[in-house]
Amino acid sequence: VDMAHIAGLVGAGVIPSPVPYADFVSSSTTKTFCGPRSGMVLCKAEHAKKLDKGVFPGALGSMHLTTMAAKAWSLKY
């Protein structure tokens, strides 16, 4: 499920989250979420190892700590 356009509404509790119902949920963090220029993929625990292995290293070469910190702050507030 791509929830990039509704992530802010999900975070605010206006509409229900698709996370409990989907194996994978992806979102950008710059549209309605108002976070740093980045994205995220959420998955069920049973898929976590495969997702981690497929993304890093490979599609993701490095992590920017400032982006991670901004994303964490955005998720909390």
N, C-alpha and C. Protein backbone atom coordinates (compact mmCIF):
# COMPACT_ATOMS: atom_id res chain seq x y z
N VAL A 1 0.86 -1.17 0.00
CA VAL A 1 0.00 0.00 0.00
C VAL A 1 0.90 1.23 0.00
N ASP A 2 0.66 2.15 -0.90
CA ASP A 2 1.37 3.43 -0.91
C ASP A 2 0.48 4.45 -0.21
N MET A 3 0.94 4.95 0.92
CA MET A 3 0.11 5.91 1.65
C MET A 3 0.73 7.31 1.67
N ALA A 4 1.54 7.62 0.66
CA ALA A 4 2.21 8.92 0.61
C ALA A 4 1.24 10.09 0.68
N HIS A 5 0.12 10.00 -0.01
CA HIS A 5 -0.81 11.12 -0.05
C HIS A 5 -1.72 11.20 1.17
N ILE A 6 -1.75 10.15 1.97
CA ILE A 6 -2.64 10.16 3.15
C ILE A 6 -1.88 10.02 4.46
N ALA A 7 -0.55 10.01 4.42
CA ALA A 7 0.25 9.76 5.63
C ALA A 7 -0.03 10.77 6.74
N GLY A 8 -0.18 12.03 6.39
CA GLY A 8 -0.49 13.05 7.40
C GLY A 8 -1.84 12.82 8.06
N LEU A 9 -2.81 12.41 7.26
CA LEU A 9 -4.14 12.12 7.81
C LEU A 9 -4.12 10.88 8.70
N VAL A 10 -3.32 9.89 8.32
CA VAL A 10 -3.18 8.69 9.15
C VAL A 10 -2.49 9.05 10.46
N GLY A 11 -1.41 9.82 10.36
CA GLY A 11 -0.67 10.23 11.56
C GLY A 11 -1.51 11.06 12.52
N ALA A 12 -2.41 11.86 11.98
CA ALA A 12 -3.28 12.70 12.82
C ALA A 12 -4.49 11.93 13.35
N GLY A 13 -4.66 10.69 12.89
CA GLY A 13 -5.78 9.89 13.36
C GLY A 13 -7.10 10.20 12.67
N VAL A 14 -7.04 10.93 11.57
CA VAL A 14 -8.26 11.30 10.84
C VAL A 14 -8.82 10.10 10.08
N ILE A 15 -7.94 9.30 9.51
CA ILE A 15 -8.36 8.08 8.82
C ILE A 15 -7.56 6.90 9.38
N PRO A 16 -8.09 5.69 9.31
CA PRO A 16 -7.39 4.54 9.87
C PRO A 16 -6.12 4.18 9.10
N SER A 17 -5.18 3.64 9.81
CA SER A 17 -3.90 3.24 9.22
C SER A 17 -4.05 1.92 8.46
N PRO A 18 -3.41 1.82 7.29
CA PRO A 18 -3.43 0.56 6.55
C PRO A 18 -2.40 -0.44 7.09
N VAL A 19 -1.54 -0.01 8.00
CA VAL A 19 -0.43 -0.85 8.47
C VAL A 19 -0.88 -2.20 9.03
N PRO A 20 -1.90 -2.28 9.87
CA PRO A 20 -2.28 -3.60 10.40
C PRO A 20 -2.81 -4.57 9.35
N TYR A 21 -3.21 -4.05 8.20
CA TYR A 21 -3.87 -4.89 7.21
C TYR A 21 -2.99 -5.26 6.01
N ALA A 22 -1.88 -4.57 5.82
CA ALA A 22 -1.02 -4.80 4.65
C ALA A 22 0.30 -5.42 5.07
N ASP A 23 0.86 -6.24 4.20
CA ASP A 23 2.18 -6.80 4.47
C ASP A 23 3.25 -5.72 4.38
N PHE A 24 3.11 -4.81 3.42
CA PHE A 24 4.06 -3.71 3.22
C PHE A 24 3.29 -2.41 3.03
N VAL A 25 3.82 -1.34 3.63
CA VAL A 25 3.26 0.00 3.45
C VAL A 25 4.43 0.93 3.18
N SER A 26 4.33 1.71 2.12
CA SER A 26 5.39 2.67 1.81
C SER A 26 4.82 4.08 1.83
N SER A 27 5.71 5.03 2.05
CA SER A 27 5.28 6.42 2.05
C SER A 27 6.48 7.33 1.86
N SER A 28 6.25 8.44 1.20
CA SER A 28 7.25 9.50 1.21
C SER A 28 7.01 10.28 2.51
N THR A 29 7.98 11.07 2.89
CA THR A 29 7.81 11.85 4.12
C THR A 29 7.68 13.34 3.82
N THR A 30 7.41 13.68 2.57
CA THR A 30 7.38 15.10 2.20
C THR A 30 6.03 15.60 1.73
N LYS A 31 5.08 14.75 1.51
CA LYS A 31 3.79 15.22 0.99
C LYS A 31 2.92 15.69 2.15
N THR A 32 1.99 14.90 2.62
CA THR A 32 1.12 15.34 3.72
C THR A 32 1.74 15.07 5.08
N PHE A 33 2.86 14.37 5.13
CA PHE A 33 3.51 14.03 6.40
C PHE A 33 4.35 15.18 6.93
N CYS A 34 4.84 16.05 6.05
CA CYS A 34 5.64 17.22 6.42
C CYS A 34 6.92 16.88 7.16
N GLY A 35 7.66 15.91 6.66
CA GLY A 35 8.93 15.53 7.23
C GLY A 35 10.07 15.85 6.28
N PRO A 36 11.26 15.32 6.53
CA PRO A 36 12.40 15.57 5.65
C PRO A 36 12.22 14.87 4.30
N ARG A 37 13.02 15.25 3.33
CA ARG A 37 12.94 14.62 2.01
C ARG A 37 13.47 13.20 2.11
N SER A 38 12.56 12.27 2.20
CA SER A 38 12.92 10.88 2.44
C SER A 38 11.70 10.00 2.21
N GLY A 39 11.77 8.80 2.67
CA GLY A 39 10.65 7.87 2.58
C GLY A 39 10.78 6.78 3.62
N MET A 40 9.82 5.89 3.64
CA MET A 40 9.87 4.78 4.59
C MET A 40 9.05 3.62 4.07
N VAL A 41 9.46 2.44 4.47
CA VAL A 41 8.72 1.22 4.16
C VAL A 41 8.47 0.52 5.48
N LEU A 42 7.23 0.22 5.77
CA LEU A 42 6.84 -0.51 6.97
C LEU A 42 6.39 -1.89 6.54
N CYS A 43 6.71 -2.89 7.36
CA CYS A 43 6.28 -4.25 7.00
C CYS A 43 5.99 -5.05 8.26
N LYS A 44 5.34 -6.17 8.06
CA LYS A 44 5.09 -7.09 9.17
C LYS A 44 6.41 -7.74 9.57
N ALA A 45 6.53 -8.14 10.83
CA ALA A 45 7.77 -8.69 11.36
C ALA A 45 8.28 -9.87 10.55
N GLU A 46 7.38 -10.66 10.00
CA GLU A 46 7.80 -11.85 9.25
C GLU A 46 8.56 -11.50 7.97
N HIS A 47 8.43 -10.27 7.48
CA HIS A 47 9.11 -9.85 6.25
C HIS A 47 10.32 -8.94 6.51
N ALA A 48 10.58 -8.60 7.76
CA ALA A 48 11.59 -7.59 8.09
C ALA A 48 12.99 -7.96 7.62
N LYS A 49 13.43 -9.19 7.84
CA LYS A 49 14.78 -9.58 7.44
C LYS A 49 14.98 -9.48 5.93
N LYS A 50 14.00 -9.96 5.17
CA LYS A 50 14.10 -9.89 3.71
C LYS A 50 14.11 -8.44 3.23
N LEU A 51 13.29 -7.60 3.83
CA LEU A 51 13.26 -6.19 3.45
C LEU A 51 14.60 -5.54 3.76
N ASP A 52 15.13 -5.75 4.95
CA ASP A 52 16.43 -5.18 5.32
C ASP A 52 17.52 -5.63 4.36
N LYS A 53 17.54 -6.91 4.03
CA LYS A 53 18.56 -7.46 3.14
C LYS A 53 18.43 -6.89 1.72
N GLY A 54 17.21 -6.68 1.28
CA GLY A 54 16.99 -6.16 -0.07
C GLY A 54 17.26 -4.68 -0.22
N VAL A 55 17.18 -3.94 0.87
CA VAL A 55 17.33 -2.49 0.79
C VAL A 55 18.76 -2.05 1.11
N PHE A 56 19.37 -2.63 2.11
CA PHE A 56 20.70 -2.19 2.54
C PHE A 56 21.64 -3.36 2.70
N PRO A 57 22.77 -3.45 2.05
CA PRO A 57 23.18 -2.55 0.97
C PRO A 57 22.50 -2.95 -0.32
N GLY A 58 22.46 -2.11 -1.24
CA GLY A 58 21.80 -2.38 -2.51
C GLY A 58 21.10 -1.14 -2.99
N ALA A 59 19.84 -1.01 -2.68
CA ALA A 59 19.08 0.17 -3.10
C ALA A 59 19.48 1.39 -2.29
N LEU A 60 19.91 1.17 -1.06
CA LEU A 60 20.32 2.25 -0.17
C LEU A 60 21.80 2.09 0.12
N GLY A 61 22.60 3.06 -0.24
CA GLY A 61 24.04 2.95 -0.07
C GLY A 61 24.55 3.48 1.25
N SER A 62 23.89 4.47 1.79
CA SER A 62 24.33 5.04 3.06
C SER A 62 23.13 5.65 3.77
N MET A 63 23.31 5.92 5.03
CA MET A 63 22.26 6.56 5.81
C MET A 63 22.74 7.95 6.21
N HIS A 64 21.89 8.92 6.10
CA HIS A 64 22.21 10.27 6.53
C HIS A 64 21.60 10.46 7.92
N LEU A 65 22.46 10.60 8.91
CA LEU A 65 21.99 10.66 10.29
C LEU A 65 21.08 11.85 10.54
N THR A 66 21.32 12.97 9.88
CA THR A 66 20.45 14.13 10.08
C THR A 66 19.04 13.86 9.55
N THR A 67 18.96 13.14 8.43
CA THR A 67 17.65 12.78 7.89
C THR A 67 16.94 11.81 8.80
N MET A 68 17.69 10.84 9.34
CA MET A 68 17.09 9.88 10.27
C MET A 68 16.58 10.59 11.52
N ALA A 69 17.35 11.54 12.03
CA ALA A 69 16.93 12.28 13.22
C ALA A 69 15.68 13.11 12.93
N ALA A 70 15.64 13.76 11.77
CA ALA A 70 14.47 14.57 11.40
C ALA A 70 13.24 13.69 11.20
N LYS A 71 13.44 12.51 10.63
CA LYS A 71 12.32 11.58 10.43
C LYS A 71 11.80 11.10 11.79
N ALA A 72 12.70 10.77 12.70
CA ALA A 72 12.30 10.32 14.04
C ALA A 72 11.52 11.42 14.76
N TRP A 73 12.00 12.66 14.65
CA TRP A 73 11.29 13.78 15.28
C TRP A 73 9.90 13.93 14.67
N SER A 74 9.81 13.84 13.35
CA SER A 74 8.52 13.97 12.67
C SER A 74 7.54 12.88 13.09
N LEU A 75 8.04 11.67 13.26
CA LEU A 75 7.17 10.57 13.67
C LEU A 75 6.66 10.76 15.10
N LYS A 76 7.49 11.37 15.94
CA LYS A 76 7.08 11.57 17.34
C LYS A 76 6.09 12.72 17.48
N TYR A 77 6.29 13.80 16.72
CA TYR A 77 5.46 14.99 16.88
C TYR A 77 4.59 15.19 15.68
